């Protein structure tokens, strides 16, 4: 088990305390990560991402997607087959699964599509206006003193 000492990080940053718990969670999954179903995570644009998951044999009704507290959960519940089929070889997995992805702040799910056995989940990072960079004008005391103070302005 690995332990990360984040004390130096906390000396010069504010609001990153969630990072420590996230790293501990990721370290605990090391080696225990399930490999079914296989998936890709793509960066499509500067703030656009896509998760593509191979879900061959699953219908739209067998799949569910849920977002709760920055965690994206994708579940697949395969209904038991009613036929009495005898398989000589069964290479297509049809077991139930659950995959969880930890989302960063301000990442939201835009939508999901199912095509050709692939489930595509589109994500976008939407920064609030208050978090976007802005330029602050700098005034000098002489500029401020030269401007007359307007207490009440009435247009004639």
N, C-alpha and C. Protein backbone atom coordinates (compact mmCIF):
# COMPACT_ATOMS: atom_id res chain seq x y z
N UNK A 1 0.85 -1.18 0.00
CA UNK A 1 0.00 0.00 0.00
C UNK A 1 0.90 1.24 0.00
N UNK A 2 0.59 2.14 -0.87
CA UNK A 2 1.37 3.37 -0.97
C UNK A 2 0.71 4.46 -0.16
N UNK A 3 1.54 5.34 0.38
CA UNK A 3 1.01 6.49 1.12
C UNK A 3 1.68 7.74 0.56
N UNK A 4 0.89 8.73 0.29
CA UNK A 4 1.40 9.98 -0.25
C UNK A 4 1.38 11.04 0.85
N UNK A 5 2.52 11.70 1.05
CA UNK A 5 2.58 12.79 2.01
C UNK A 5 2.34 14.10 1.25
N UNK A 6 1.16 14.67 1.44
CA UNK A 6 0.79 15.88 0.71
C UNK A 6 0.97 17.15 1.54
N UNK A 7 1.69 17.06 2.66
CA UNK A 7 1.88 18.23 3.53
C UNK A 7 2.50 19.41 2.79
N UNK A 8 3.53 19.23 1.95
CA UNK A 8 4.07 20.39 1.23
C UNK A 8 3.04 21.04 0.30
N UNK A 9 2.16 20.25 -0.27
CA UNK A 9 1.13 20.80 -1.15
C UNK A 9 0.16 21.68 -0.37
N UNK A 10 -0.19 21.29 0.83
CA UNK A 10 -1.16 22.05 1.64
C UNK A 10 -0.59 23.38 2.13
N UNK A 11 0.73 23.52 2.15
CA UNK A 11 1.34 24.77 2.62
C UNK A 11 1.09 25.94 1.67
N UNK A 12 0.96 25.64 0.37
CA UNK A 12 0.85 26.73 -0.60
C UNK A 12 -0.41 26.68 -1.45
N UNK A 13 -1.33 25.79 -1.14
CA UNK A 13 -2.57 25.72 -1.91
C UNK A 13 -3.76 25.72 -0.97
N UNK A 14 -4.88 26.13 -1.51
CA UNK A 14 -6.12 26.19 -0.73
C UNK A 14 -7.20 25.46 -1.51
N UNK A 15 -7.93 24.60 -0.84
CA UNK A 15 -9.05 23.92 -1.45
C UNK A 15 -8.72 22.62 -2.15
N UNK A 16 -7.50 22.10 -1.98
CA UNK A 16 -7.12 20.86 -2.62
C UNK A 16 -7.15 19.68 -1.65
N UNK A 17 -7.85 19.82 -0.53
CA UNK A 17 -7.88 18.74 0.46
C UNK A 17 -8.56 17.49 -0.10
N UNK A 18 -9.45 17.66 -1.09
CA UNK A 18 -10.08 16.49 -1.71
C UNK A 18 -9.09 15.66 -2.50
N UNK A 19 -8.00 16.29 -2.93
CA UNK A 19 -6.98 15.60 -3.71
C UNK A 19 -6.37 14.45 -2.93
N UNK A 20 -6.11 14.65 -1.65
CA UNK A 20 -5.53 13.59 -0.82
C UNK A 20 -6.42 12.37 -0.74
N UNK A 21 -7.71 12.59 -0.52
CA UNK A 21 -8.62 11.44 -0.44
C UNK A 21 -8.77 10.77 -1.80
N UNK A 22 -8.70 11.54 -2.88
CA UNK A 22 -8.79 10.97 -4.22
C UNK A 22 -7.58 10.09 -4.50
N UNK A 23 -6.38 10.54 -4.14
CA UNK A 23 -5.17 9.73 -4.36
C UNK A 23 -5.19 8.46 -3.53
N UNK A 24 -5.67 8.54 -2.30
CA UNK A 24 -5.78 7.34 -1.47
C UNK A 24 -6.76 6.35 -2.06
N UNK A 25 -7.87 6.84 -2.62
CA UNK A 25 -8.86 5.97 -3.25
C UNK A 25 -8.27 5.29 -4.47
N UNK A 26 -7.53 6.04 -5.29
CA UNK A 26 -6.92 5.47 -6.49
C UNK A 26 -5.86 4.45 -6.14
N UNK A 27 -5.09 4.69 -5.08
CA UNK A 27 -4.07 3.74 -4.67
C UNK A 27 -4.68 2.44 -4.17
N UNK A 28 -5.87 2.52 -3.57
CA UNK A 28 -6.50 1.30 -3.07
C UNK A 28 -7.05 0.44 -4.21
N UNK A 29 -7.32 1.04 -5.38
CA UNK A 29 -7.83 0.28 -6.52
C UNK A 29 -6.71 -0.38 -7.31
N UNK A 30 -5.47 -0.02 -7.04
CA UNK A 30 -4.35 -0.52 -7.82
C UNK A 30 -4.29 -2.05 -7.72
N UNK A 31 -4.31 -2.71 -8.85
CA UNK A 31 -4.26 -4.16 -8.88
C UNK A 31 -5.63 -4.82 -8.79
N UNK A 32 -6.62 -4.12 -8.26
CA UNK A 32 -7.97 -4.66 -8.14
C UNK A 32 -8.89 -4.18 -9.24
N UNK A 33 -8.37 -3.44 -10.20
CA UNK A 33 -9.21 -2.84 -11.22
C UNK A 33 -9.79 -3.92 -12.13
N UNK A 34 -11.11 -3.95 -12.28
CA UNK A 34 -11.71 -4.95 -13.17
C UNK A 34 -11.40 -4.61 -14.62
N UNK A 35 -11.35 -5.63 -15.45
CA UNK A 35 -11.02 -5.40 -16.86
C UNK A 35 -12.24 -5.54 -17.77
N UNK A 36 -13.42 -5.78 -17.19
CA UNK A 36 -14.62 -5.95 -18.00
C UNK A 36 -15.62 -4.88 -17.66
N UNK A 37 -16.22 -4.25 -18.59
CA UNK A 37 -15.96 -4.27 -20.03
C UNK A 37 -14.82 -3.32 -20.39
N UNK A 38 -14.15 -3.56 -21.50
CA UNK A 38 -13.07 -2.66 -21.91
C UNK A 38 -13.62 -1.29 -22.31
N UNK A 39 -12.81 -0.25 -22.10
CA UNK A 39 -13.25 1.11 -22.40
C UNK A 39 -12.08 1.97 -22.83
N UNK A 40 -12.39 3.09 -23.48
CA UNK A 40 -11.42 4.12 -23.85
C UNK A 40 -11.88 5.44 -23.25
N UNK A 41 -10.93 6.28 -22.89
CA UNK A 41 -11.22 7.66 -22.49
C UNK A 41 -10.49 8.55 -23.47
N UNK A 42 -11.24 9.38 -24.19
CA UNK A 42 -10.66 10.23 -25.23
C UNK A 42 -10.83 11.70 -24.85
N UNK A 43 -9.87 12.49 -25.25
CA UNK A 43 -10.00 13.94 -25.15
C UNK A 43 -10.30 14.44 -26.55
N UNK A 44 -11.51 14.94 -26.75
CA UNK A 44 -11.95 15.36 -28.07
C UNK A 44 -11.59 16.82 -28.34
N UNK A 45 -11.71 17.66 -27.35
CA UNK A 45 -11.39 19.08 -27.49
C UNK A 45 -10.76 19.57 -26.20
N UNK A 46 -10.62 20.88 -26.10
CA UNK A 46 -9.99 21.45 -24.91
C UNK A 46 -10.78 21.13 -23.64
N UNK A 47 -12.10 21.14 -23.73
CA UNK A 47 -12.95 20.86 -22.57
C UNK A 47 -13.93 19.71 -22.81
N UNK A 48 -13.72 18.93 -23.87
CA UNK A 48 -14.64 17.86 -24.23
C UNK A 48 -13.95 16.50 -24.11
N UNK A 49 -14.65 15.55 -23.50
CA UNK A 49 -14.13 14.21 -23.30
C UNK A 49 -15.18 13.20 -23.71
N UNK A 50 -14.75 11.97 -23.97
CA UNK A 50 -15.67 10.90 -24.32
C UNK A 50 -15.16 9.58 -23.74
N UNK A 51 -16.07 8.86 -23.10
CA UNK A 51 -15.80 7.51 -22.64
C UNK A 51 -16.51 6.58 -23.61
N UNK A 52 -15.78 5.66 -24.22
CA UNK A 52 -16.36 4.66 -25.12
C UNK A 52 -16.17 3.29 -24.47
N UNK A 53 -17.28 2.59 -24.27
CA UNK A 53 -17.25 1.32 -23.57
C UNK A 53 -17.84 0.24 -24.46
N UNK A 54 -17.14 -0.91 -24.58
CA UNK A 54 -17.61 -2.02 -25.39
C UNK A 54 -18.67 -2.80 -24.60
N UNK A 55 -19.91 -2.72 -25.05
CA UNK A 55 -21.03 -3.37 -24.35
C UNK A 55 -21.80 -4.26 -25.31
N UNK A 56 -21.08 -5.09 -26.06
CA UNK A 56 -21.72 -5.97 -27.03
C UNK A 56 -22.71 -6.89 -26.33
N UNK A 57 -23.89 -7.02 -26.89
CA UNK A 57 -24.91 -7.89 -26.33
C UNK A 57 -25.85 -7.21 -25.35
N UNK A 58 -25.58 -5.97 -24.98
CA UNK A 58 -26.43 -5.23 -24.05
C UNK A 58 -27.35 -4.30 -24.85
N UNK A 59 -28.63 -4.29 -24.49
CA UNK A 59 -29.58 -3.36 -25.09
C UNK A 59 -29.59 -2.07 -24.29
N UNK A 60 -30.26 -1.07 -24.82
CA UNK A 60 -30.39 0.22 -24.14
C UNK A 60 -31.06 0.05 -22.78
N UNK A 61 -32.04 -0.83 -22.68
CA UNK A 61 -32.73 -1.07 -21.42
C UNK A 61 -31.89 -1.79 -20.38
N UNK A 62 -30.80 -2.45 -20.80
CA UNK A 62 -29.92 -3.17 -19.88
C UNK A 62 -28.89 -2.26 -19.23
N UNK A 63 -28.74 -1.05 -19.75
CA UNK A 63 -27.70 -0.14 -19.28
C UNK A 63 -28.29 1.03 -18.50
N UNK A 64 -27.56 1.48 -17.49
CA UNK A 64 -27.97 2.68 -16.76
C UNK A 64 -26.73 3.52 -16.44
N UNK A 65 -26.92 4.83 -16.51
CA UNK A 65 -25.84 5.78 -16.25
C UNK A 65 -26.32 6.73 -15.16
N UNK A 66 -25.50 6.92 -14.13
CA UNK A 66 -25.88 7.78 -13.01
C UNK A 66 -24.68 8.63 -12.60
N UNK A 67 -24.94 9.90 -12.29
CA UNK A 67 -23.90 10.79 -11.78
C UNK A 67 -24.33 11.23 -10.38
N UNK A 68 -23.44 11.02 -9.42
CA UNK A 68 -23.73 11.42 -8.04
C UNK A 68 -22.43 11.86 -7.38
N UNK A 69 -22.40 13.10 -6.93
CA UNK A 69 -21.26 13.66 -6.21
C UNK A 69 -19.93 13.40 -6.92
N UNK A 70 -19.81 13.85 -8.14
CA UNK A 70 -18.59 13.77 -8.95
C UNK A 70 -18.17 12.33 -9.27
N UNK A 71 -19.10 11.39 -9.17
CA UNK A 71 -18.81 10.00 -9.55
C UNK A 71 -19.79 9.57 -10.63
N UNK A 72 -19.27 9.14 -11.75
CA UNK A 72 -20.07 8.63 -12.86
C UNK A 72 -20.10 7.11 -12.74
N UNK A 73 -21.29 6.54 -12.66
CA UNK A 73 -21.46 5.08 -12.57
C UNK A 73 -22.18 4.59 -13.81
N UNK A 74 -21.61 3.58 -14.45
CA UNK A 74 -22.23 2.94 -15.61
C UNK A 74 -22.47 1.48 -15.23
N UNK A 75 -23.73 1.06 -15.29
CA UNK A 75 -24.10 -0.30 -14.91
C UNK A 75 -24.72 -1.03 -16.09
N UNK A 76 -24.45 -2.30 -16.16
CA UNK A 76 -25.07 -3.16 -17.14
C UNK A 76 -25.65 -4.38 -16.45
N UNK A 77 -26.95 -4.57 -16.57
CA UNK A 77 -27.64 -5.72 -15.97
C UNK A 77 -28.18 -6.56 -17.10
N UNK A 78 -27.56 -7.68 -17.36
CA UNK A 78 -28.00 -8.57 -18.43
C UNK A 78 -29.08 -9.50 -17.89
N UNK A 79 -30.21 -9.51 -18.60
CA UNK A 79 -31.30 -10.40 -18.22
C UNK A 79 -30.91 -11.83 -18.53
N UNK A 80 -31.27 -12.78 -17.67
CA UNK A 80 -30.93 -14.18 -17.97
C UNK A 80 -31.66 -14.66 -19.23
N UNK A 81 -30.95 -15.44 -20.02
CA UNK A 81 -31.53 -15.94 -21.26
C UNK A 81 -32.58 -16.99 -20.95
N UNK A 82 -33.74 -16.87 -21.60
CA UNK A 82 -34.84 -17.80 -21.33
C UNK A 82 -34.74 -19.07 -22.17
N UNK A 83 -33.92 -19.03 -23.21
CA UNK A 83 -33.79 -20.20 -24.08
C UNK A 83 -32.96 -21.28 -23.40
N UNK A 84 -33.23 -22.49 -23.75
CA UNK A 84 -32.40 -23.60 -23.29
C UNK A 84 -31.36 -23.90 -24.35
N UNK A 85 -30.40 -23.01 -24.47
CA UNK A 85 -29.38 -23.14 -25.49
C UNK A 85 -28.16 -23.80 -24.89
N UNK A 86 -27.60 -24.74 -25.60
CA UNK A 86 -26.37 -25.38 -25.17
C UNK A 86 -25.23 -24.77 -25.97
N UNK A 87 -24.32 -24.12 -25.26
CA UNK A 87 -23.18 -23.48 -25.90
C UNK A 87 -22.02 -24.46 -25.97
N UNK A 88 -21.43 -24.60 -27.13
CA UNK A 88 -20.21 -25.38 -27.26
C UNK A 88 -19.01 -24.53 -26.87
N UNK A 89 -19.11 -23.24 -27.16
CA UNK A 89 -18.09 -22.27 -26.72
C UNK A 89 -18.80 -20.95 -26.47
N UNK A 90 -18.55 -20.36 -25.31
CA UNK A 90 -19.18 -19.08 -24.99
C UNK A 90 -18.06 -18.06 -24.77
N UNK A 91 -17.77 -17.29 -25.81
CA UNK A 91 -16.69 -16.31 -25.74
C UNK A 91 -17.17 -14.88 -25.56
N UNK A 92 -18.46 -14.63 -25.75
CA UNK A 92 -19.02 -13.29 -25.57
C UNK A 92 -19.54 -13.19 -24.15
N UNK A 93 -18.91 -12.34 -23.37
CA UNK A 93 -19.31 -12.19 -21.97
C UNK A 93 -20.65 -11.50 -21.89
N UNK A 94 -21.49 -11.99 -21.02
CA UNK A 94 -22.81 -11.35 -20.83
C UNK A 94 -23.11 -11.17 -19.36
N UNK A 95 -22.08 -10.99 -18.57
CA UNK A 95 -22.28 -10.81 -17.13
C UNK A 95 -22.55 -9.34 -16.81
N UNK A 96 -23.15 -9.13 -15.68
CA UNK A 96 -23.44 -7.76 -15.24
C UNK A 96 -22.13 -7.08 -14.85
N UNK A 97 -22.15 -5.75 -14.91
CA UNK A 97 -20.96 -4.99 -14.56
C UNK A 97 -21.36 -3.65 -13.97
N UNK A 98 -20.38 -3.03 -13.31
CA UNK A 98 -20.50 -1.65 -12.86
C UNK A 98 -19.13 -1.01 -12.93
N UNK A 99 -19.04 0.10 -13.63
CA UNK A 99 -17.81 0.87 -13.76
C UNK A 99 -18.03 2.23 -13.14
N UNK A 100 -17.06 2.70 -12.39
CA UNK A 100 -17.14 4.03 -11.77
C UNK A 100 -15.96 4.87 -12.24
N UNK A 101 -16.27 6.13 -12.53
CA UNK A 101 -15.26 7.10 -12.94
C UNK A 101 -15.38 8.31 -12.03
N UNK A 102 -14.27 8.78 -11.52
CA UNK A 102 -14.24 9.97 -10.69
C UNK A 102 -14.12 11.18 -11.60
N UNK A 103 -15.08 12.11 -11.51
CA UNK A 103 -15.09 13.30 -12.36
C UNK A 103 -14.49 14.48 -11.61
N UNK A 104 -13.79 15.31 -12.33
CA UNK A 104 -13.25 16.54 -11.75
C UNK A 104 -14.39 17.53 -11.53
N UNK A 105 -14.11 18.55 -10.75
CA UNK A 105 -15.12 19.59 -10.53
C UNK A 105 -15.49 20.23 -11.86
N UNK A 106 -16.76 20.54 -12.01
CA UNK A 106 -17.32 21.23 -13.17
C UNK A 106 -17.34 20.37 -14.44
N UNK A 107 -17.13 19.06 -14.33
CA UNK A 107 -17.29 18.17 -15.48
C UNK A 107 -18.70 17.58 -15.39
N UNK A 108 -19.46 17.75 -16.46
CA UNK A 108 -20.84 17.27 -16.50
C UNK A 108 -21.02 16.34 -17.69
N UNK A 109 -22.00 15.44 -17.56
CA UNK A 109 -22.31 14.51 -18.64
C UNK A 109 -23.24 15.22 -19.62
N UNK A 110 -22.82 15.31 -20.87
CA UNK A 110 -23.62 15.97 -21.90
C UNK A 110 -24.65 15.02 -22.48
N UNK A 111 -24.31 13.74 -22.62
CA UNK A 111 -25.24 12.77 -23.19
C UNK A 111 -24.57 11.43 -23.39
N UNK A 112 -25.37 10.45 -23.82
CA UNK A 112 -24.85 9.11 -24.07
C UNK A 112 -25.55 8.53 -25.29
N UNK A 113 -24.80 7.77 -26.09
CA UNK A 113 -25.36 7.10 -27.26
C UNK A 113 -24.86 5.66 -27.28
N UNK A 114 -25.68 4.79 -27.85
CA UNK A 114 -25.33 3.38 -28.00
C UNK A 114 -25.39 3.05 -29.48
N UNK A 115 -24.23 2.70 -30.06
CA UNK A 115 -24.19 2.37 -31.48
C UNK A 115 -23.12 1.31 -31.74
N UNK A 116 -23.48 0.32 -32.53
CA UNK A 116 -22.56 -0.74 -32.94
C UNK A 116 -21.88 -1.43 -31.76
N UNK A 117 -22.60 -1.63 -30.67
CA UNK A 117 -22.04 -2.32 -29.51
C UNK A 117 -21.14 -1.46 -28.65
N UNK A 118 -21.07 -0.15 -28.93
CA UNK A 118 -20.26 0.76 -28.12
C UNK A 118 -21.17 1.79 -27.45
N UNK A 119 -20.97 1.97 -26.16
CA UNK A 119 -21.67 3.01 -25.42
C UNK A 119 -20.73 4.21 -25.34
N UNK A 120 -21.17 5.35 -25.88
CA UNK A 120 -20.38 6.58 -25.84
C UNK A 120 -21.01 7.54 -24.84
N UNK A 121 -20.23 7.96 -23.86
CA UNK A 121 -20.68 8.94 -22.87
C UNK A 121 -19.87 10.20 -23.10
N UNK A 122 -20.54 11.30 -23.47
CA UNK A 122 -19.88 12.56 -23.75
C UNK A 122 -19.88 13.43 -22.51
N UNK A 123 -18.71 13.98 -22.19
CA UNK A 123 -18.54 14.82 -21.01
C UNK A 123 -17.97 16.17 -21.44
N UNK A 124 -18.27 17.19 -20.68
CA UNK A 124 -17.74 18.52 -20.96
C UNK A 124 -17.41 19.21 -19.63
N UNK A 125 -16.31 19.94 -19.64
CA UNK A 125 -15.95 20.74 -18.46
C UNK A 125 -16.48 22.14 -18.68
N UNK A 126 -17.42 22.55 -17.83
CA UNK A 126 -18.05 23.86 -17.94
C UNK A 126 -17.64 24.71 -16.75
N UNK A 127 -16.69 25.60 -16.99
CA UNK A 127 -16.25 26.49 -15.92
C UNK A 127 -17.25 27.61 -15.73
N UNK A 128 -17.63 27.89 -14.47
CA UNK A 128 -18.52 29.02 -14.23
C UNK A 128 -17.83 30.33 -14.61
N UNK A 129 -18.62 31.32 -14.92
CA UNK A 129 -18.08 32.62 -15.35
C UNK A 129 -17.13 33.19 -14.30
N UNK A 130 -17.43 32.95 -13.03
CA UNK A 130 -16.59 33.49 -11.95
C UNK A 130 -15.20 32.85 -11.94
N UNK A 131 -15.04 31.67 -12.52
CA UNK A 131 -13.75 30.98 -12.50
C UNK A 131 -12.91 31.24 -13.74
N UNK A 132 -13.50 31.87 -14.74
CA UNK A 132 -12.75 32.17 -15.95
C UNK A 132 -11.79 33.33 -15.70
N UNK A 133 -10.65 33.36 -16.40
CA UNK A 133 -9.70 34.44 -16.19
C UNK A 133 -10.30 35.80 -16.57
N UNK A 134 -9.96 36.82 -15.81
CA UNK A 134 -10.42 38.17 -16.12
C UNK A 134 -9.30 39.16 -15.83
N UNK A 135 -9.33 40.28 -16.48
CA UNK A 135 -8.31 41.31 -16.31
C UNK A 135 -8.84 42.36 -15.35
N UNK A 136 -8.03 42.71 -14.38
CA UNK A 136 -8.38 43.72 -13.38
C UNK A 136 -7.65 45.01 -13.75
N UNK A 137 -8.38 46.10 -14.01
CA UNK A 137 -7.70 47.37 -14.34
C UNK A 137 -7.00 47.94 -13.11
N UNK A 138 -5.84 48.55 -13.35
CA UNK A 138 -5.07 49.17 -12.26
C UNK A 138 -5.15 50.67 -12.42
N UNK A 139 -5.57 51.34 -11.38
CA UNK A 139 -5.66 52.79 -11.40
C UNK A 139 -4.58 53.38 -10.51
N UNK A 140 -4.14 54.60 -10.86
CA UNK A 140 -3.19 55.31 -10.00
C UNK A 140 -3.98 56.30 -9.18
N UNK A 141 -3.40 56.77 -8.09
CA UNK A 141 -4.11 57.71 -7.23
C UNK A 141 -4.39 59.03 -7.94
N UNK A 142 -3.50 59.45 -8.85
CA UNK A 142 -3.73 60.71 -9.55
C UNK A 142 -4.93 60.60 -10.49
N UNK A 143 -5.10 59.45 -11.16
CA UNK A 143 -6.26 59.27 -12.03
C UNK A 143 -7.54 59.29 -11.22
N UNK A 144 -7.48 58.71 -10.07
CA UNK A 144 -8.67 58.61 -9.24
C UNK A 144 -9.01 59.99 -8.65
N UNK A 145 -7.99 60.78 -8.29
CA UNK A 145 -8.23 62.10 -7.70
C UNK A 145 -8.75 63.09 -8.74
N UNK A 146 -8.34 62.98 -10.00
CA UNK A 146 -8.76 63.90 -11.05
C UNK A 146 -10.22 63.74 -11.43
N UNK A 147 -10.77 62.58 -11.26
CA UNK A 147 -12.15 62.33 -11.65
C UNK A 147 -13.09 62.92 -10.60
N UNK A 148 -14.06 63.71 -11.04
CA UNK A 148 -15.01 64.25 -10.06
C UNK A 148 -15.93 63.14 -9.54
N UNK A 149 -16.28 63.25 -8.27
CA UNK A 149 -17.18 62.28 -7.67
C UNK A 149 -18.61 62.68 -7.99
N UNK A 150 -19.36 61.77 -8.53
CA UNK A 150 -20.76 62.02 -8.86
C UNK A 150 -21.61 61.39 -7.77
N UNK A 151 -22.40 62.21 -7.07
CA UNK A 151 -23.24 61.69 -6.02
C UNK A 151 -24.62 61.35 -6.57
N UNK A 152 -25.17 62.29 -7.33
CA UNK A 152 -26.49 62.06 -7.91
C UNK A 152 -26.49 62.62 -9.32
N UNK A 153 -26.84 61.82 -10.26
CA UNK A 153 -26.82 62.26 -11.64
C UNK A 153 -28.23 62.23 -12.19
N UNK A 154 -28.69 63.40 -12.67
CA UNK A 154 -30.01 63.49 -13.28
C UNK A 154 -29.83 63.97 -14.70
N UNK A 155 -30.36 63.21 -15.62
CA UNK A 155 -30.27 63.61 -17.02
C UNK A 155 -31.33 64.65 -17.31
N UNK A 156 -30.94 65.75 -17.95
CA UNK A 156 -31.88 66.84 -18.21
C UNK A 156 -32.61 66.65 -19.49
